[in-house]
PDB file of N, CA and C in Angstrom:
ATOM      1  N   ALA A   1      29.128 191.068 208.294  1.00  0.00           N
ATOM      2  CA  ALA A   1      29.558 191.395 209.434  1.00  0.00           C
ATOM      3  C   ALA A   1      28.237 191.775 210.180  1.00  0.00           C
ATOM      4  N   ALA A   2      28.377 192.236 210.960  1.00  0.00           N
ATOM      5  CA  ALA A   2      27.797 193.082 212.100  1.00  0.00           C
ATOM      6  C   ALA A   2      28.319 193.301 212.664  1.00  0.00           C
ATOM      7  N   VAL A   3      27.478 194.527 213.233  1.00  0.00           N
ATOM      8  CA  VAL A   3      28.695 195.624 214.415  1.00  0.00           C
ATOM      9  C   VAL A   3      27.850 195.756 215.787  1.00  0.00           C
ATOM     10  N   LEU A   4      28.239 194.817 216.853  1.00  0.00           N
ATOM     11  CA  LEU A   4      27.073 194.968 217.849  1.00  0.00           C
ATOM     12  C   LEU A   4      27.861 195.464 219.192  1.00  0.00           C
ATOM     13  N   LEU A   5      26.816 196.967 219.760  1.00  0.00           N
ATOM     14  CA  LEU A   5      27.519 198.015 220.488  1.00  0.00           C
ATOM     15  C   LEU A   5      26.908 197.848 221.950  1.00  0.00           C
ATOM     16  N   PRO A   6      27.733 197.646 222.638  1.00  0.00           N
ATOM     17  CA  PRO A   6      27.308 197.939 224.234  1.00  0.00           C
ATOM     18  C   PRO A   6      26.721 199.468 224.356  1.00  0.00           C
ATOM     19  N   TRP A   7      25.489 199.377 224.992  1.00  0.00           N
ATOM     20  CA  TRP A   7      25.340 200.905 225.628  1.00  0.00           C
ATOM     21  C   TRP A   7      24.729 201.194 226.889  1.00  0.00           C
ATOM     22  N   SER A   8      24.784 201.788 227.123  1.00  0.00           N
ATOM     23  CA  SER A   8      24.805 202.526 228.559  1.00  0.00           C
ATOM     24  C   SER A   8      23.185 202.297 228.309  1.00  0.00           C
ATOM     25  N   LYS A   9      22.664 202.091 229.448  1.00  0.00           N
ATOM     26  CA  LYS A   9      21.147 202.142 229.907  1.00  0.00           C
ATOM     27  C   LYS A   9      20.331 203.845 229.955  1.00  0.00           C
ATOM     28  N   ASP A  10      21.987 204.098 230.560  1.00  0.00           N
ATOM     29  CA  ASP A  10      21.344 206.003 231.203  1.00  0.00           C
ATOM     30  C   ASP A  10      21.956 207.002 230.012  1.00  0.00           C
ATOM     31  N   ARG A  11      21.895 206.306 228.441  1.00  0.00           N
ATOM     32  CA  ARG A  11      22.626 207.195 227.985  1.00  0.00           C
ATOM     33  C   ARG A  11      21.063 207.520 226.648  1.00  0.00           C
ATOM     34  N   GLY A  12      21.232 208.700 226.101  1.00  0.00           N
ATOM     35  CA  GLY A  12      19.672 208.532 225.411  1.00  0.00           C
ATOM     36  C   GLY A  12      20.593 208.141 223.569  1.00  0.00           C
ATOM     37  N   CYS A  13      19.777 208.091 223.336  1.00  0.00           N
ATOM     38  CA  CYS A  13      19.781 207.022 221.260  1.00  0.00           C
ATOM     39  C   CYS A  13      19.884 208.842 220.836  1.00  0.00           C
ATOM     40  N   ASP A  14      20.553 209.561 221.008  1.00  0.00           N
ATOM     41  CA  ASP A  14      20.706 210.452 220.047  1.00  0.00           C
ATOM     42  C   ASP A  14      21.871 210.430 219.154  1.00  0.00           C
ATOM     43  N   ILE A  15      22.807 209.745 219.211  1.00  0.00           N
ATOM     44  CA  ILE A  15      23.990 209.540 219.162  1.00  0.00           C
ATOM     45  C   ILE A  15      24.355 208.748 218.622  1.00  0.00           C
ATOM     46  N   LEU A  16      23.286 207.435 218.374  1.00  0.00           N
ATOM     47  CA  LEU A  16      23.119 206.219 217.209  1.00  0.00           C
ATOM     48  C   LEU A  16      23.604 206.677 216.072  1.00  0.00           C
ATOM     49  N   THR A  17      23.961 207.382 215.636  1.00  0.00           N
ATOM     50  CA  THR A  17      23.710 207.704 214.469  1.00  0.00           C
ATOM     51  C   THR A  17      25.049 208.614 213.953  1.00  0.00           C
ATOM     52  N   ALA A  18      25.448 208.028 213.279  1.00  0.00           N
ATOM     53  CA  ALA A  18      26.552 209.187 212.501  1.00  0.00           C
ATOM     54  C   ALA A  18      26.239 210.279 211.677  1.00  0.00           C
ATOM     55  N   LYS A  19      27.132 211.392 211.259  1.00  0.00           N
ATOM     56  CA  LYS A  19      26.901 212.762 210.869  1.00  0.00           C
ATOM     57  C   LYS A  19      25.539 212.477 208.886  1.00  0.00           C
ATOM     58  N   ASP A  20      26.438 211.525 208.280  1.00  0.00           N
ATOM     59  CA  ASP A  20      25.032 211.080 207.611  1.00  0.00           C
ATOM     60  C   ASP A  20      24.464 210.559 207.637  1.00  0.00           C
ATOM     61  N   GLY A  21      23.446 210.281 208.897  1.00  0.00           N
ATOM     62  CA  GLY A  21      22.514 209.626 208.915  1.00  0.00           C
ATOM     63  C   GLY A  21      22.736 208.129 208.655  1.00  0.00           C
ATOM     64  N   ARG A  22      23.638 207.368 209.097  1.00  0.00           N
ATOM     65  CA  ARG A  22      23.378 206.006 208.589  1.00  0.00           C
ATOM     66  C   ARG A  22      23.889 205.491 210.906  1.00  0.00           C
ATOM     67  N   ALA A  23      23.091 204.884 210.311  1.00  0.00           N
ATOM     68  CA  ALA A  23      23.478 204.058 211.867  1.00  0.00           C
ATOM     69  C   ALA A  23      24.591 203.685 212.469  1.00  0.00           C
ATOM     70  N   VAL A  24      25.162 203.929 213.519  1.00  0.00           N
ATOM     71  CA  VAL A  24      26.072 203.330 213.989  1.00  0.00           C
ATOM     72  C   VAL A  24      26.736 201.365 214.382  1.00  0.00           C
ATOM     73  N   ALA A  25      25.750 201.487 214.665  1.00  0.00           N
ATOM     74  CA  ALA A  25      25.480 199.516 214.411  1.00  0.00           C
ATOM     75  C   ALA A  25      24.844 198.946 214.321  1.00  0.00           C
ATOM     76  N   ASP A  26      24.558 197.845 214.382  1.00  0.00           N
ATOM     77  CA  ASP A  26      23.529 196.940 213.498  1.00  0.00           C
ATOM     78  C   ASP A  26      22.408 196.226 214.787  1.00  0.00           C
ATOM     79  N   ALA A  27      22.889 196.157 215.950  1.00  0.00           N
ATOM     80  CA  ALA A  27      22.343 196.071 216.922  1.00  0.00           C
ATOM     81  C   ALA A  27      22.849 196.549 218.494  1.00  0.00           C
ATOM     82  N   LEU A  28      22.457 196.767 219.667  1.00  0.00           N
ATOM     83  CA  LEU A  28      23.128 196.845 220.509  1.00  0.00           C
ATOM     84  C   LEU A  28      22.559 196.380 221.633  1.00  0.00           C
ATOM     85  N   PHE A  29      23.461 196.242 222.802  1.00  0.00           N
ATOM     86  CA  PHE A  29      22.318 195.484 223.922  1.00  0.00           C
ATOM     87  C   PHE A  29      22.862 196.741 225.516  1.00  0.00           C
ATOM     88  N   GLY A  30      22.014 196.587 226.153  1.00  0.00           N
ATOM     89  CA  GLY A  30      22.206 197.334 227.563  1.00  0.00           C
ATOM     90  C   GLY A  30      22.496 196.726 228.181  1.00  0.00           C
ATOM     91  N   ILE A  31      23.579 197.515 229.561  1.00  0.00           N
ATOM     92  CA  ILE A  31      24.523 197.724 230.300  1.00  0.00           C
ATOM     93  C   ILE A  31      24.471 198.506 231.557  1.00  0.00           C
ATOM     94  N   ASP A  32      24.455 198.333 232.028  1.00  0.00           N
ATOM     95  CA  ASP A  32      23.865 199.539 233.894  1.00  0.00           C
ATOM     96  C   ASP A  32      25.680 200.328 233.091  1.00  0.00           C
ATOM     97  N   SER A  33      25.046 201.366 233.658  1.00  0.00           N
ATOM     98  CA  SER A  33      26.158 202.442 233.780  1.00  0.00           C
ATOM     99  C   SER A  33      27.142 202.036 234.902  1.00  0.00           C
ATOM    100  N   PRO A  34      27.934 202.727 235.149  1.00  0.00           N
ATOM    101  CA  PRO A  34      29.789 202.386 235.844  1.00  0.00           C
ATOM    102  C   PRO A  34      28.604 202.684 237.276  1.00  0.00           C
ATOM    103  N   ALA A  35      28.130 203.900 237.285  1.00  0.00           N
ATOM    104  CA  ALA A  35      27.604 204.733 238.433  1.00  0.00           C
ATOM    105  C   ALA A  35      26.121 203.737 238.801  1.00  0.00           C
ATOM    106  N   ALA A  36      25.223 203.469 238.338  1.00  0.00           N
ATOM    107  CA  ALA A  36      24.467 202.105 238.618  1.00  0.00           C
ATOM    108  C   ALA A  36      24.879 200.998 239.268  1.00  0.00           C
ATOM    109  N   LYS A  37      26.310 200.384 238.525  1.00  0.00           N
ATOM    110  CA  LYS A  37      26.854 199.267 239.151  1.00  0.00           C
ATOM    111  C   LYS A  37      27.401 199.489 240.817  1.00  0.00           C
ATOM    112  N   GLU A  38      27.771 200.725 241.267  1.00  0.00           N
ATOM    113  CA  GLU A  38      28.011 201.238 242.374  1.00  0.00           C
ATOM    114  C   GLU A  38      27.212 201.291 243.164  1.00  0.00           C
ATOM    115  N   ALA A  39      26.059 201.525 242.307  1.00  0.00           N
ATOM    116  CA  ALA A  39      24.802 202.348 243.456  1.00  0.00           C
ATOM    117  C   ALA A  39      24.191 201.232 244.418  1.00  0.00           C
ATOM    118  N   ARG A  40      24.315 200.098 243.591  1.00  0.00           N
ATOM    119  CA  ARG A  40      23.715 198.350 243.950  1.00  0.00           C
ATOM    120  C   ARG A  40      24.017 197.640 244.865  1.00  0.00           C
ATOM    121  N   LYS A  41      23.909 198.191 246.297  1.00  0.00           N
ATOM    122  CA  LYS A  41      23.681 197.178 247.407  1.00  0.00           C
ATOM    123  C   LYS A  41      24.189 196.356 247.508  1.00  0.00           C
ATOM    124  N   LYS A  42      25.422 195.887 247.820  1.00  0.00           N
ATOM    125  CA  LYS A  42      25.413 194.204 247.772  1.00  0.00           C
ATOM    126  C   LYS A  42      24.141 193.626 249.325  1.00  0.00           C
ATOM    127  N   PRO A  43      23.694 192.257 248.887  1.00  0.00           N
ATOM    128  CA  PRO A  43      22.968 191.605 249.740  1.00  0.00           C
ATOM    129  C   PRO A  43      23.811 191.652 250.981  1.00  0.00           C
ATOM    130  N   LEU A  44      23.010 191.489 252.305  1.00  0.00           N
ATOM    131  CA  LEU A  44      23.363 191.239 254.050  1.00  0.00           C
ATOM    132  C   LEU A  44      22.520 190.510 254.609  1.00  0.00           C
ATOM    133  N   LEU A  45      23.415 189.229 254.780  1.00  0.00           N
ATOM    134  CA  LEU A  45      22.787 188.364 255.328  1.00  0.00           C
ATOM    135  C   LEU A  45      21.901 189.465 256.667  1.00  0.00           C
ATOM    136  N   GLY A  46      23.324 190.110 257.880  1.00  0.00           N
ATOM    137  CA  GLY A  46      22.627 190.289 259.338  1.00  0.00           C
ATOM    138  C   GLY A  46      23.141 190.045 260.327  1.00  0.00           C
ATOM    139  N   VAL A  47      24.567 189.804 260.213  1.00  0.00           N
ATOM    140  CA  VAL A  47      24.796 188.482 261.578  1.00  0.00           C
ATOM    141  C   VAL A  47      26.597 189.188 261.236  1.00  0.00           C
ATOM    142  N   ARG A  48      26.871 188.982 262.930  1.00  0.00           N
ATOM    143  CA  ARG A  48      28.264 189.117 263.146  1.00  0.00           C
ATOM    144  C   ARG A  48      28.478 188.083 263.660  1.00  0.00           C
ATOM    145  N   ILE A  49      30.223 187.283 262.907  1.00  0.00           N
ATOM    146  CA  ILE A  49      30.065 186.008 263.096  1.00  0.00           C
ATOM    147  C   ILE A  49      31.896 185.992 263.312  1.00  0.00           C
ATOM    148  N   GLU A  50      32.008 184.570 263.587  1.00  0.00           N
ATOM    149  CA  GLU A  50      33.558 184.175 263.602  1.00  0.00           C
ATOM    150  C   GLU A  50      33.633 182.486 263.573  1.00  0.00           C
ATOM    151  N   ALA A  51      35.459 182.325 263.146  1.00  0.00           N
ATOM    152  CA  ALA A  51      35.435 181.444 262.612  1.00  0.00           C
ATOM    153  C   ALA A  51      35.041 180.457 263.883  1.00  0.00           C
ATOM    154  N   GLY A  52      34.857 179.161 263.967  1.00  0.00           N
ATOM    155  CA  GLY A  52      33.890 178.394 265.083  1.00  0.00           C
ATOM    156  C   GLY A  52      35.549 177.698 265.449  1.00  0.00           C
ATOM    157  N   LYS A  53      36.072 177.252 267.005  1.00  0.00           N
ATOM    158  CA  LYS A  53      36.730 176.169 267.214  1.00  0.00           C
ATOM    159  C   LYS A  53      36.718 175.304 266.049  1.00  0.00           C
ATOM    160  N   ASP A  54      35.409 174.480 266.398  1.00  0.00           N
ATOM    161  CA  ASP A  54      34.720 173.426 266.165  1.00  0.00           C
ATOM    162  C   ASP A  54      34.920 172.733 264.262  1.00  0.00           C
ATOM    163  N   GLY A  55      35.048 173.883 263.613  1.00  0.00           N
ATOM    164  CA  GLY A  55      34.340 174.448 262.730  1.00  0.00           C
ATOM    165  C   GLY A  55      33.275 174.704 262.017  1.00  0.00           C
ATOM    166  N   GLY A  56      32.360 175.302 260.689  1.00  0.00           N
ATOM    167  CA  GLY A  56      31.733 176.510 260.908  1.00  0.00           C
ATOM    168  C   GLY A  56      31.920 178.053 261.825  1.00  0.00           C
ATOM    169  N   LEU A  57      31.047 178.807 261.336  1.00  0.00           N
ATOM    170  CA  LEU A  57      31.165 180.422 261.805  1.00  0.00           C
ATOM    171  C   LEU A  57      30.300 180.422 263.011  1.00  0.00           C
ATOM    172  N   HIS A  58      30.420 180.823 264.205  1.00  0.00           N
ATOM    173  CA  HIS A  58      30.123 181.194 264.967  1.00  0.00           C
ATOM    174  C   HIS A  58      28.989 182.417 265.219  1.00  0.00           C
ATOM    175  N   ILE A  59      27.661 182.742 265.565  1.00  0.00           N
ATOM    176  CA  ILE A  59      27.219 183.570 265.235  1.00  0.00           C
ATOM    177  C   ILE A  59      26.959 183.938 266.714  1.00  0.00           C
ATOM    178  N   LYS A  60      27.829 185.403 266.533  1.00  0.00           N
ATOM    179  CA  LYS A  60      28.024 186.107 267.577  1.00  0.00           C
ATOM    180  C   LYS A  60      26.818 187.300 267.951  1.00  0.00           C
ATOM    181  N   GLU A  61      25.885 187.735 267.247  1.00  0.00           N
ATOM    182  CA  GLU A  61      24.932 188.423 267.031  1.00  0.00           C
ATOM    183  C   GLU A  61      24.202 188.497 265.735  1.00  0.00           C
ATOM    184  N   VAL A  62      22.836 188.722 265.949  1.00  0.00           N
ATOM    185  CA  VAL A  62      22.099 189.138 264.597  1.00  0.00           C
ATOM    186  C   VAL A  62      20.871 190.125 265.107  1.00  0.00           C
ATOM    187  N   ILE A  63      21.511 191.006 263.322  1.00  0.00           N
ATOM    188  CA  ILE A  63      21.292 192.219 263.644  1.00  0.00           C
ATOM    189  C   ILE A  63      19.557 192.722 262.898  1.00  0.00           C
ATOM    190  N   LYS A  64      18.442 193.387 264.366  1.00  0.00           N
ATOM    191  CA  LYS A  64      17.541 193.849 263.972  1.00  0.00           C
ATOM    192  C   LYS A  64      17.345 193.260 262.603  1.00  0.00           C
ATOM    193  N   GLU A  65      15.429 192.897 262.201  1.00  0.00           N
ATOM    194  CA  GLU A  65      15.102 193.337 261.088  1.00  0.00           C
ATOM    195  C   GLU A  65      15.864 192.676 260.387  1.00  0.00           C
ATOM    196  N   SER A  66      16.671 192.000 260.386  1.00  0.00           N
ATOM    197  CA  SER A  66      17.574 191.631 259.268  1.00  0.00           C
ATOM    198  C   SER A  66      17.153 190.272 258.180  1.00  0.00           C
ATOM    199  N   VAL A  67      17.728 190.033 257.004  1.00  0.00           N
ATOM    200  CA  VAL A  67      17.471 189.053 257.202  1.00  0.00           C
ATOM    201  C   VAL A  67      17.457 187.386 257.838  1.00  0.00           C
ATOM    202  N   ALA A  68      18.185 187.450 258.133  1.00  0.00           N
ATOM    203  CA  ALA A  68      19.110 186.435 259.311  1.00  0.00           C
ATOM    204  C   ALA A  68      18.199 186.342 260.935  1.00  0.00           C
ATOM    205  N   GLU A  69      17.266 187.571 261.097  1.00  0.00           N
ATOM    206  CA  GLU A  69      16.082 187.628 261.928  1.00  0.00           C
ATOM    207  C   GLU A  69      14.926 186.747 261.570  1.00  0.00           C
ATOM    208  N   LYS A  70      14.863 187.178 260.578  1.00  0.00           N
ATOM    209  CA  LYS A  70      13.704 186.706 259.696  1.00  0.00           C
ATOM    210  C   LYS A  70      13.706 184.943 259.396  1.00  0.00           C
ATOM    211  N   ALA A  71      14.939 184.309 259.276  1.00  0.00           N
ATOM    212  CA  ALA A  71      15.434 183.329 259.190  1.00  0.00           C
ATOM    213  C   ALA A  71      15.030 183.127 260.694  1.00  0.00           C
ATOM    214  N   ALA A  72      14.895 182.909 261.714  1.00  0.00           N
ATOM    215  CA  ALA A  72      15.244 182.563 262.460  1.00  0.00           C
ATOM    216  C   ALA A  72      16.574 182.147 263.355  1.00  0.00           C
ATOM    217  N   LEU A  73      17.424 182.747 262.807  1.00  0.00           N
ATOM    218  CA  LEU A  73      18.969 182.269 263.199  1.00  0.00           C
ATOM    219  C   LEU A  73      19.013 183.636 264.509  1.00  0.00           C
ATOM    220  N   ALA A  74      19.949 182.839 265.223  1.00  0.00           N
ATOM    221  CA  ALA A  74      19.843 182.897 266.800  1.00  0.00           C
ATOM    222  C   ALA A  74      21.780 182.930 267.125  1.00  0.00           C
ATOM    223  N   GLN A  75      21.726 184.382 268.322  1.00  0.00           N
ATOM    224  CA  GLN A  75      22.878 184.005 268.676  1.00  0.00           C
ATOM    225  C   GLN A  75      23.631 182.248 269.291  1.00  0.00           C
ATOM    226  N   GLY A  76      24.628 182.181 269.210  1.00  0.00           N
ATOM    227  CA  GLY A  76      24.981 181.011 269.216  1.00  0.00           C
ATOM    228  C   GLY A  76      25.202 179.878 268.062  1.00  0.00           C
ATOM    229  N   ASP A  77      23.891 180.351 267.255  1.00  0.00           N
ATOM    230  CA  ASP A  77      24.236 179.107 265.945  1.00  0.00           C
ATOM    231  C   ASP A  77      25.282 178.890 265.118  1.00  0.00           C
ATOM    232  N   ILE A  78      26.129 178.341 264.617  1.00  0.00           N
ATOM    233  CA  ILE A  78      26.622 177.935 264.237  1.00  0.00           C
ATOM    234  C   ILE A  78      26.663 177.761 262.834  1.00  0.00           C
ATOM    235  N   ILE A  79      26.919 178.274 261.500  1.00  0.00           N
ATOM    236  CA  ILE A  79      26.389 177.864 260.540  1.00  0.00           C
ATOM    237  C   ILE A  79      27.055 177.067 259.794  1.00  0.00           C
ATOM    238  N   MET A  80      27.374 176.080 259.531  1.00  0.00           N
ATOM    239  CA  MET A  80      27.741 174.485 258.983  1.00  0.00           C
ATOM    240  C   MET A  80      28.332 174.674 257.311  1.00  0.00           C
ATOM    241  N   GLU A  81      27.111 175.325 256.943  1.00  0.00           N
ATOM    242  CA  GLU A  81      26.595 175.174 255.459  1.00  0.00           C
ATOM    243  C   GLU A  81      26.103 175.868 255.274  1.00  0.00           C
ATOM    244  N   ALA A  82      26.553 176.441 253.284  1.00  0.00           N
ATOM    245  CA  ALA A  82      26.007 177.709 252.752  1.00  0.00           C
ATOM    246  C   ALA A  82      25.577 177.132 250.976  1.00  0.00           C
ATOM    247  N   ALA A  83      24.374 177.570 250.619  1.00  0.00           N
ATOM    248  CA  ALA A  83      24.564 177.076 249.678  1.00  0.00           C
ATOM    249  C   ALA A  83      25.083 175.281 249.543  1.00  0.00           C
ATOM    250  N   GLY A  84      25.024 174.763 250.291  1.00  0.00           N
ATOM    251  CA  GLY A  84      25.549 172.942 250.450  1.00  0.00           C
ATOM    252  C   GLY A  84      26.863 173.197 250.037  1.00  0.00           C
ATOM    253  N   LYS A  85      27.727 173.816 250.345  1.00  0.00           N
ATOM    254  CA  LYS A  85      29.161 174.579 251.077  1.00  0.00           C
ATOM    255  C   LYS A  85      30.041 174.448 252.247  1.00  0.00           C
ATOM    256  N   PRO A  86      30.818 173.445 252.404  1.00  0.00           N
ATOM    257  CA  PRO A  86      31.125 174.130 254.427  1.00  0.00           C
ATOM    258  C   PRO A  86      31.233 175.360 254.457  1.00  0.00           C
ATOM    259  N   LEU A  87      31.200 175.696 255.233  1.00  0.00           N
ATOM    260  CA  LEU A  87      32.185 176.979 255.722  1.00  0.00           C
ATOM    261  C   LEU A  87      33.511 176.622 257.427  1.00  0.00           C
ATOM    262  N   SER A  88      34.647 177.495 256.715  1.00  0.00           N
ATOM    263  CA  SER A  88      35.130 177.547 257.908  1.00  0.00           C
ATOM    264  C   SER A  88      35.848 178.923 258.228  1.00  0.00           C
ATOM    265  N   LYS A  89      35.369 179.575 257.255  1.00  0.00           N
ATOM    266  CA  LYS A  89      36.067 180.957 257.158  1.00  0.00           C
ATOM    267  C   LYS A  89      34.778 182.553 257.031  1.00  0.00           C
ATOM    268  N   PRO A  90      34.701 183.346 257.675  1.00  0.00           N
ATOM    269  CA  PRO A  90      33.938 184.372 257.286  1.00  0.00           C
ATOM    270  C   PRO A  90      33.976 184.711 255.918  1.00  0.00           C
ATOM    271  N   GLY A  91      35.208 184.936 255.354  1.00  0.00           N
ATOM    272  CA  GLY A  91      35.106 185.245 253.619  1.00  0.00           C
ATOM    273  C   GLY A  91      34.499 184.019 253.031  1.00  0.00           C
ATOM    274  N   GLU A  92      33.846 183.278 253.160  1.00  0.00           N
ATOM    275  CA  GLU A  92      33.594 182.167 252.354  1.00  0.00           C
ATOM    276  C   GLU A  92      31.927 182.656 252.206  1.00  0.00           C
ATOM    277  N   LEU A  93      31.491 182.849 253.592  1.00  0.00           N
ATOM    278  CA  LEU A  93      30.009 183.162 253.817  1.00  0.00           C
ATOM    279  C   LEU A  93      29.623 184.312 252.818  1.00  0.00           C
ATOM    280  N   ILE A  94      30.305 185.300 253.138  1.00  0.00           N
ATOM    281  CA  ILE A  94      30.740 186.732 252.602  1.00  0.00           C
ATOM    282  C   ILE A  94      30.513 186.505 251.050  1.00  0.00           C
ATOM    283  N   GLU A  95      31.158 185.709 250.594  1.00  0.00           N
ATOM    284  CA  GLU A  95      31.400 185.661 248.829  1.00  0.00           C
ATOM    285  C   GLU A  95      30.062 185.475 248.608  1.00  0.00           C
ATOM    286  N   ILE A  96      29.959 184.063 249.171  1.00  0.00           N
ATOM    287  CA  ILE A  96      28.083 183.321 248.881  1.00  0.00           C
ATOM    288  C   ILE A  96      26.729 184.638 249.613  1.00  0.00           C
ATOM    289  N   ILE A  97      27.301 184.621 250.127  1.00  0.00           N
ATOM    290  CA  ILE A  97      26.179 185.936 250.542  1.00  0.00           C
ATOM    291  C   ILE A  97      26.290 187.291 248.837  1.00  0.00           C
ATOM    292  N   HIS A  98      27.462 187.896 248.653  1.00  0.00           N
ATOM    293  CA  HIS A  98      27.377 188.663 247.475  1.00  0.00           C
ATOM    294  C   HIS A  98      27.242 188.575 246.519  1.00  0.00           C
ATOM    295  N   ARG A  99      26.819 187.087 246.162  1.00  0.00           N
ATOM    296  CA  ARG A  99      26.000 186.144 245.042  1.00  0.00           C
ATOM    297  C   ARG A  99      24.986 186.488 244.793  1.00  0.00           C
ATOM    298  N   GLN A 100      24.577 186.293 246.126  1.00  0.00           N
ATOM    299  CA  GLN A 100      22.488 186.696 246.124  1.00  0.00           C
ATOM    300  C   GLN A 100      22.257 187.195 245.403  1.00  0.00           C
ATOM    301  N   ALA A 101      21.361 187.279 244.461  1.00  0.00           N
ATOM    302  CA  ALA A 101      20.641 187.860 243.589  1.00  0.00           C
ATOM    303  C   ALA A 101      19.419 188.271 244.342  1.00  0.00           C
ATOM    304  N   PRO A 102      18.752 189.652 244.248  1.00  0.00           N
ATOM    305  CA  PRO A 102      17.371 190.141 244.973  1.00  0.00           C
ATOM    306  C   PRO A 102      16.283 188.738 244.795  1.00  0.00           C
ATOM    307  N   GLY A 103      15.796 188.562 245.565  1.00  0.00           N
ATOM    308  CA  GLY A 103      14.336 187.894 245.802  1.00  0.00           C
ATOM    309  C   GLY A 103      14.865 186.506 246.146  1.00  0.00           C
ATOM    310  N   THR A 104      15.757 186.041 246.110  1.00  0.00           N
ATOM    311  CA  THR A 104      16.009 184.748 245.982  1.00  0.00           C
ATOM    312  C   THR A 104      16.401 183.894 247.616  1.00  0.00           C
ATOM    313  N   TRP A 105      16.702 182.840 247.061  1.00  0.00           N
ATOM    314  CA  TRP A 105      16.774 181.990 248.831  1.00  0.00           C
ATOM    315  C   TRP A 105      18.206 180.945 249.253  1.00  0.00           C
ATOM    316  N   LEU A 106      18.801 181.381 250.335  1.00  0.00           N
ATOM    317  CA  LEU A 106      19.904 180.745 251.187  1.00  0.00           C
ATOM    318  C   LEU A 106      19.922 179.755 251.930  1.00  0.00           C
ATOM    319  N   PRO A 107      20.152 178.316 250.835  1.00  0.00           N
ATOM    320  CA  PRO A 107      20.008 177.387 252.048  1.00  0.00           C
ATOM    321  C   PRO A 107      20.739 176.858 253.220  1.00  0.00           C
ATOM    322  N   LEU A 108      20.608 177.117 254.064  1.00  0.00           N
ATOM    323  CA  LEU A 108      21.926 177.430 255.536  1.00  0.00           C
ATOM    324  C   LEU A 108      21.613 176.130 256.020  1.00  0.00           C
ATOM    325  N   LYS A 109      22.733 175.241 256.533  1.00  0.00           N
ATOM    326  CA  LYS A 109      23.009 174.492 257.512  1.00  0.00           C
ATOM    327  C   LYS A 109      23.515 174.458 258.766  1.00  0.00           C
ATOM    328  N   ILE A 110      22.749 174.543 260.133  1.00  0.00           N
ATOM    329  CA  ILE A 110      23.443 175.260 261.664  1.00  0.00           C
ATOM    330  C   ILE A 110      23.441 174.082 262.138  1.00  0.00           C
ATOM    331  N   ARG A 111      24.658 174.793 262.801  1.00  0.00           N
ATOM    332  CA  ARG A 111      23.912 173.507 264.334  1.00  0.00           C
ATOM    333  C   ARG A 111      23.680 173.976 265.805  1.00  0.00           C
ATOM    334  N   ARG A 112      22.341 173.426 266.342  1.00  0.00           N
ATOM    335  CA  ARG A 112      22.325 174.896 267.407  1.00  0.00           C
ATOM    336  C   ARG A 112      21.697 173.929 268.676  1.00  0.00           C
ATOM    337  N   GLY A 113      22.627 174.385 269.698  1.00  0.00           N
ATOM    338  CA  GLY A 113      23.154 173.280 270.538  1.00  0.00           C
ATOM    339  C   GLY A 113      23.449 171.631 270.116  1.00  0.00           C
ATOM    340  N   GLY A 114      22.922 170.636 270.019  1.00  0.00           N
ATOM    341  CA  GLY A 114      23.151 169.785 269.799  1.00  0.00           C
ATOM    342  C   GLY A 114      22.918 168.750 268.559  1.00  0.00           C
ATOM    343  N   GLU A 115      21.548 169.815 268.019  1.00  0.00           N
ATOM    344  CA  GLU A 115      20.492 169.390 266.761  1.00  0.00           C
ATOM    345  C   GLU A 115      21.143 170.096 265.456  1.00  0.00           C
ATOM    346  N   THR A 116      21.022 169.418 264.357  1.00  0.00           N
ATOM    347  CA  THR A 116      21.919 169.940 262.918  1.00  0.00           C
ATOM    348  C   THR A 116      20.707 170.704 262.358  1.00  0.00           C
ATOM    349  N   MET A 117      20.251 171.204 262.109  1.00  0.00           N
ATOM    350  CA  MET A 117      19.076 171.687 261.012  1.00  0.00           C
ATOM    351  C   MET A 117      19.472 172.925 259.540  1.00  0.00           C
ATOM    352  N   GLU A 118      18.344 172.766 259.083  1.00  0.00           N
ATOM    353  CA  GLU A 118      17.996 173.694 257.745  1.00  0.00           C
ATOM    354  C   GLU A 118      16.878 174.493 257.934  1.00  0.00           C
ATOM    355  N   ILE A 119      17.865 175.436 257.484  1.00  0.00           N
ATOM    356  CA  ILE A 119      17.089 176.856 257.599  1.00  0.00           C
ATOM    357  C   ILE A 119      17.048 177.738 256.253  1.00  0.00           C
ATOM    358  N   ILE A 120      16.293 178.512 255.667  1.00  0.00           N
ATOM    359  CA  ILE A 120      16.507 179.348 254.465  1.00  0.00           C
ATOM    360  C   ILE A 120      16.293 180.628 254.840  1.00  0.00           C
ATOM    361  N   ALA A 121      17.271 181.459 254.481  1.00  0.00           N
ATOM    362  CA  ALA A 121      17.340 182.560 254.666  1.00  0.00           C
ATOM    363  C   ALA A 121      16.688 183.229 253.297  1.00  0.00           C
ATOM    364  N   LYS A 122      15.654 184.050 253.367  1.00  0.00           N
ATOM    365  CA  LYS A 122      15.065 184.942 252.146  1.00  0.00           C
ATOM    366  C   LYS A 122      15.306 186.267 251.956  1.00  0.00           C
ATOM    367  N   PHE A 123      16.292 186.325 250.876  1.00  0.00           N
ATOM    368  CA  PHE A 123      16.696 187.918 250.343  1.00  0.00           C
ATOM    369  C   PHE A 123      15.792 188.681 249.883  1.00  0.00           C
ATOM    370  N   PRO A 124      15.329 189.840 250.454  1.00  0.00           N
ATOM    371  CA  PRO A 124      13.811 190.352 249.988  1.00  0.00           C
ATOM    372  C   PRO A 124      14.338 190.949 248.348  1.00  0.00           C
ATOM    373  N   PRO A 125      13.385 191.059 247.317  1.00  0.00           N
ATOM    374  CA  PRO A 125      13.470 191.498 245.959  1.00  0.00           C
ATOM    375  C   PRO A 125      14.314 192.829 245.898  1.00  0.00           C
ATOM    376  N   GLN A 126      14.378 193.036 244.678  1.00  0.00           N
ATOM    377  CA  GLN A 126      15.711 194.487 245.251  1.00  0.00           C
ATOM    378  C   GLN A 126      14.245 195.508 244.616  1.00  0.00           C
ATOM    379  N   ALA A 127      14.475 196.646 245.284  1.00  0.00           N
ATOM    380  CA  ALA A 127      13.786 197.901 245.101  1.00  0.00           C
ATOM    381  C   ALA A 127      13.567 198.368 244.529  1.00  0.00           C
TER     382      ALA A 127
END
């Protein structure tokens, strides 16, 4: 048997030994501290949306200098799918976006006018 101990990355190593000098665990694995998890920002696409009357999500506004603006999304576009999943409620898109890791790409299928097109939203790497 072996002891595997989770260890917060922001804690010092000085308390990893017992009073008699023996190690408190055979191995450690690093985890983020609760404060680090809370400080990590959730990714944002940068659009204000509402459920569309004919399905999809209607873009009411694109925020300046956002991932959405850089991906060439525009007011009036209808987001039909994100990551291959059909969308009908704003919460569905929000959930998909919050799962995006920094530096990844999110494929979106949109309808603009009468045309359906694919757009890639590129989330910046974590600073």
